[in-house]
C-alpha cells in the first residue's frame, strides 16, 4: 500500500458576523483585523507543509484566509465548500431565532428557504471524493478506502489535501468522513481560524486532530 491521505480542514478567520454569533451562509463578508492575524499565524504554522491539492470555498472570508496563509496560488475553488445556506435565518443569531421559535436548533429544525442538513452532507461527500481523487494523482492505484500510491506525498508516506471552508460545512464533512450522518456535525465545535486533521487508524477513518487554534 502506498501513502495515506489526510484532509486538513481550515476554518476561515473571524468576520464581524462570526464574532457576533450570526448565521453566516452566503453573505460574502471580509475578515476582521483579528481574523487576518489568525490567518497569518496559521500560515506560519503551515509554512513548509506540502499539500497535494488545496480546495477553497469561493466565499471571500475563506479565500482571504487561504491567501494570507500562503496557499492562494495553489488553491482551486470548490463551490461545494460553501457554507450552509441558512435561508431566512441568514444574519440572525440563535437567540434571535429562538425568540420567535422557542427551542429552534439549526441541526434539528427546517431551514426555511435554505438547505437541508442532508443536502449539505451530500456536498461534503462530494468534497471528500474530490479530495481523495486529487490526492491519488494521475499515477495511482488507490483503493476504495482512499489509500493512494502517489508521488504527491511529502516524503513521509502521507498525502495531504487542504480544505479552506466554514464551520458547519467542515463539521458536517468531518462527520461524513467517519461515517456518521450529517447531523453528527452538531457534536463538533469549530472555532474561526482553526485547523483540524482527518486521517486513518489502520483501515478506519478517524479524526486525528480537532479545532487547533492559532494566535499571533
Protein backbone atom coordinates (compact mmCIF):
# COMPACT_ATOMS: atom_id res chain seq x y z
CA UNK A 1 0.00 0.00 0.00
CA UNK A 2 1.25 3.49 -0.81
CA UNK A 3 0.64 6.76 1.02
CA UNK A 4 -2.29 7.58 3.26
CA UNK A 5 -4.46 10.62 2.62
CA UNK A 6 -5.09 13.26 5.27
CA UNK A 7 -7.62 16.07 4.91
CA UNK A 8 -6.53 19.27 6.64
CA UNK A 9 -9.63 21.35 7.43
CA UNK A 10 -9.13 25.08 7.89
CA UNK A 11 -11.99 27.27 9.01
CA UNK A 12 -11.73 30.87 7.85
CA UNK A 13 -10.66 33.62 10.23
CA UNK A 14 -13.03 35.81 12.20
CA UNK A 15 -15.59 38.06 10.49
CA UNK A 16 -17.83 40.67 12.10
CA UNK A 17 -20.78 38.29 11.97
CA UNK A 18 -18.92 35.26 13.32
CA UNK A 19 -17.75 37.37 16.26
CA UNK A 20 -21.40 38.26 16.93
CA UNK A 21 -22.64 34.67 16.56
CA UNK A 22 -24.71 35.41 13.45
CA UNK A 23 -25.54 32.68 10.96
CA UNK A 24 -23.31 33.50 8.01
CA UNK A 25 -24.08 31.37 5.00
CA UNK A 26 -23.73 33.03 1.62
CA UNK A 27 -23.27 36.63 2.81
CA UNK A 28 -19.80 37.49 1.50
CA UNK A 29 -18.05 39.19 4.40
CA UNK A 30 -14.34 40.05 4.73
CA UNK A 31 -12.13 39.07 7.66
CA UNK A 32 -11.73 41.35 10.64
CA UNK A 33 -8.26 42.51 11.68
CA UNK A 34 -8.21 39.68 14.23
CA UNK A 35 -9.26 37.26 11.53
CA UNK A 36 -6.35 38.32 9.35
CA UNK A 37 -3.95 37.99 12.28
CA UNK A 38 -5.06 34.43 12.99
CA UNK A 39 -4.79 33.55 9.30
CA UNK A 40 -1.22 34.84 9.35
CA UNK A 41 -0.45 32.79 12.48
CA UNK A 42 -1.91 29.75 10.77
CA UNK A 43 0.31 30.44 7.77
CA UNK A 44 3.39 30.42 9.99
CA UNK A 45 2.39 27.03 11.39
CA UNK A 46 1.77 25.62 7.90
CA UNK A 47 4.95 27.06 6.39
CA UNK A 48 6.75 24.27 4.55
CA UNK A 49 3.74 21.95 4.59
CA UNK A 50 3.32 20.27 1.22
CA UNK A 51 -0.24 19.77 0.01
CA UNK A 52 -1.10 17.62 -2.98
CA UNK A 53 -4.11 19.89 -3.52
CA UNK A 54 -5.74 22.92 -1.92
CA UNK A 55 -9.51 23.34 -2.26
CA UNK A 56 -11.20 26.54 -1.15
CA UNK A 57 -14.72 27.88 -0.77
CA UNK A 58 -15.47 30.69 -3.24
CA UNK A 59 -16.60 32.97 -0.40
CA UNK A 60 -14.33 35.91 0.44
CA UNK A 61 -13.62 35.03 4.06
CA UNK A 62 -12.29 31.59 3.10
CA UNK A 63 -10.30 32.90 0.11
CA UNK A 64 -8.70 35.63 2.23
CA UNK A 65 -7.71 33.09 4.86
CA UNK A 66 -6.22 30.85 2.21
CA UNK A 67 -4.27 33.69 0.61
CA UNK A 68 -2.94 35.11 3.89
CA UNK A 69 -1.89 31.61 4.96
CA UNK A 70 0.18 31.40 1.79
CA UNK A 71 -1.78 28.95 -0.36
CA UNK A 72 -3.71 31.26 -2.67
CA UNK A 73 -1.62 30.42 -5.73
CA UNK A 74 -2.27 26.68 -5.32
CA UNK A 75 -5.94 26.93 -4.38
CA UNK A 76 -8.76 25.65 -6.56
CA UNK A 77 -12.24 26.98 -5.83
CA UNK A 78 -14.84 24.33 -4.99
CA UNK A 79 -18.42 25.52 -4.71
CA UNK A 80 -19.30 22.52 -2.55
CA UNK A 81 -17.20 24.06 0.23
CA UNK A 82 -19.63 26.99 0.53
CA UNK A 83 -21.24 27.35 3.92
CA UNK A 84 -24.74 26.06 4.67
CA UNK A 85 -27.45 28.18 3.05
CA UNK A 86 -29.46 29.32 6.08
CA UNK A 87 -32.33 30.82 4.09
CA UNK A 88 -34.49 33.20 6.14
CA UNK A 89 -32.21 32.74 9.16
CA UNK A 90 -29.21 34.35 7.46
CA UNK A 91 -27.65 37.06 9.60
CA UNK A 92 -29.58 36.12 12.73
CA UNK A 93 -28.22 34.72 15.98
CA UNK A 94 -29.66 31.58 17.51
CA UNK A 95 -31.03 33.68 20.37
CA UNK A 96 -32.88 35.96 17.95
CA UNK A 97 -34.40 33.00 16.14
CA UNK A 98 -35.40 31.28 19.38
CA UNK A 99 -37.21 34.45 20.47
CA UNK A 100 -39.57 33.75 17.55
CA UNK A 101 -39.34 29.94 17.52
CA UNK A 102 -38.68 28.60 21.03
CA UNK A 103 -36.19 25.74 21.07
CA UNK A 104 -35.12 26.28 17.46
CA UNK A 105 -31.95 24.41 16.50
CA UNK A 106 -30.16 24.61 13.16
CA UNK A 107 -29.38 20.89 13.29
CA UNK A 108 -32.93 19.72 14.01
CA UNK A 109 -35.42 22.19 12.57
CA UNK A 110 -36.36 23.00 8.96
CA UNK A 111 -34.24 25.71 7.32
CA UNK A 112 -36.89 27.83 5.62
CA UNK A 113 -35.71 28.99 2.22
CA UNK A 114 -32.32 27.30 2.63
CA UNK A 115 -30.64 23.90 2.52
CA UNK A 116 -31.47 20.76 4.44
CA UNK A 117 -28.65 19.31 6.50
CA UNK A 118 -28.78 16.25 4.22
CA UNK A 119 -28.08 18.42 1.19
CA UNK A 120 -25.08 19.96 2.91
CA UNK A 121 -23.97 16.42 3.74
CA UNK A 122 -24.16 15.46 0.07
CA UNK A 123 -21.94 18.44 -0.78
CA UNK A 124 -19.49 17.33 1.90
CA UNK A 125 -19.40 13.84 0.39
CA UNK A 126 -18.58 15.39 -2.98
CA UNK A 127 -15.69 17.37 -1.46
CA UNK A 128 -14.31 14.23 0.18
CA UNK A 129 -14.46 12.36 -3.13
CA UNK A 130 -12.72 15.21 -4.94
CA UNK A 131 -10.03 15.49 -2.26
CA UNK A 132 -9.28 11.77 -2.38
CA UNK A 133 -9.13 11.88 -6.17
CA UNK A 134 -6.75 14.85 -6.06
CA UNK A 135 -4.56 13.09 -3.51
CA UNK A 136 -4.41 9.99 -5.68
CA UNK A 137 -2.85 11.99 -8.50
CA UNK A 138 -2.56 10.99 -12.15
CA UNK A 139 -0.49 7.88 -11.38
CA UNK A 140 -2.45 5.99 -8.79
CA UNK A 141 -3.63 2.55 -7.79
CA UNK A 142 -5.80 3.90 -4.97
CA UNK A 143 -8.18 1.54 -3.23
CA UNK A 144 -11.80 2.24 -2.39
CA UNK A 145 -10.59 3.20 1.08
CA UNK A 146 -8.75 6.17 -0.34
CA UNK A 147 -5.22 4.92 0.31
CA UNK A 148 -3.36 6.14 -2.79
CA UNK A 149 0.01 5.31 -4.23
CA UNK A 150 1.03 8.79 -5.26
CA UNK A 151 4.07 10.92 -5.98
CA UNK A 152 2.36 13.82 -4.15
CA UNK A 153 3.32 12.87 -0.61
CA UNK A 154 5.77 14.91 1.44
CA UNK A 155 8.22 12.08 1.87
CA UNK A 156 6.53 10.60 4.95
CA UNK A 157 4.00 8.48 3.09
CA UNK A 158 1.19 10.92 3.92
CA UNK A 159 -0.62 12.77 1.13
CA UNK A 160 -2.20 15.95 2.48
CA UNK A 161 -5.11 17.90 0.99
CA UNK A 162 -6.09 21.29 2.46
CA UNK A 163 -9.73 22.37 2.59
CA UNK A 164 -10.42 26.05 3.38
CA UNK A 165 -14.04 26.45 4.35
CA UNK A 166 -16.58 27.28 7.04
CA UNK A 167 -17.74 25.98 10.40
CA UNK A 168 -20.84 23.99 9.53
CA UNK A 169 -19.73 22.54 6.19
CA UNK A 170 -16.43 21.40 7.74
CA UNK A 171 -18.15 19.95 10.82
CA UNK A 172 -20.53 18.05 8.57
CA UNK A 173 -17.64 16.94 6.36
CA UNK A 174 -15.82 15.54 9.40
CA UNK A 175 -18.94 13.65 10.44
CA UNK A 176 -19.30 12.17 6.98
CA UNK A 177 -15.60 11.23 6.92
CA UNK A 178 -16.05 9.00 9.96
CA UNK A 179 -19.28 7.50 8.64
CA UNK A 180 -21.75 9.49 10.75
CA UNK A 181 -24.85 11.14 9.29
CA UNK A 182 -24.56 14.86 8.52
CA UNK A 183 -26.38 15.85 11.72
CA UNK A 184 -23.48 14.37 13.66
CA UNK A 185 -21.59 17.58 12.92
CA UNK A 186 -23.56 19.06 15.81
CA UNK A 187 -21.16 17.29 18.17
CA UNK A 188 -18.06 19.02 16.78
CA UNK A 189 -17.24 22.61 17.73
CA UNK A 190 -15.03 24.54 15.30
CA UNK A 191 -13.57 27.97 16.02
CA UNK A 192 -12.55 30.59 13.48
CA UNK A 193 -9.01 30.31 12.15
CA UNK A 194 -8.65 26.73 13.39
CA UNK A 195 -7.02 23.63 11.92
CA UNK A 196 -8.32 20.07 12.12
CA UNK A 197 -6.96 16.90 10.51
CA UNK A 198 -8.87 13.86 9.28
CA UNK A 199 -6.99 10.66 8.55
CA UNK A 200 -6.75 6.98 9.30
CA UNK A 201 -6.08 4.48 12.04
CA UNK A 202 -5.20 1.39 10.04
CA UNK A 203 -8.29 0.81 7.87
CA UNK A 204 -10.60 3.14 9.81
CA UNK A 205 -11.29 6.79 9.04
CA UNK A 206 -10.72 8.89 12.16
CA UNK A 207 -10.32 12.45 13.41
CA UNK A 208 -6.61 12.88 14.15
CA UNK A 209 -6.69 16.48 15.43
CA UNK A 210 -9.55 18.85 16.04
CA UNK A 211 -10.05 22.60 16.44
CA UNK A 212 -6.45 23.70 16.99
CA UNK A 213 -6.32 27.48 17.30
CA UNK A 214 -3.53 29.92 16.47
CA UNK A 215 -2.61 33.35 17.76
CA UNK A 216 -0.02 35.88 16.61
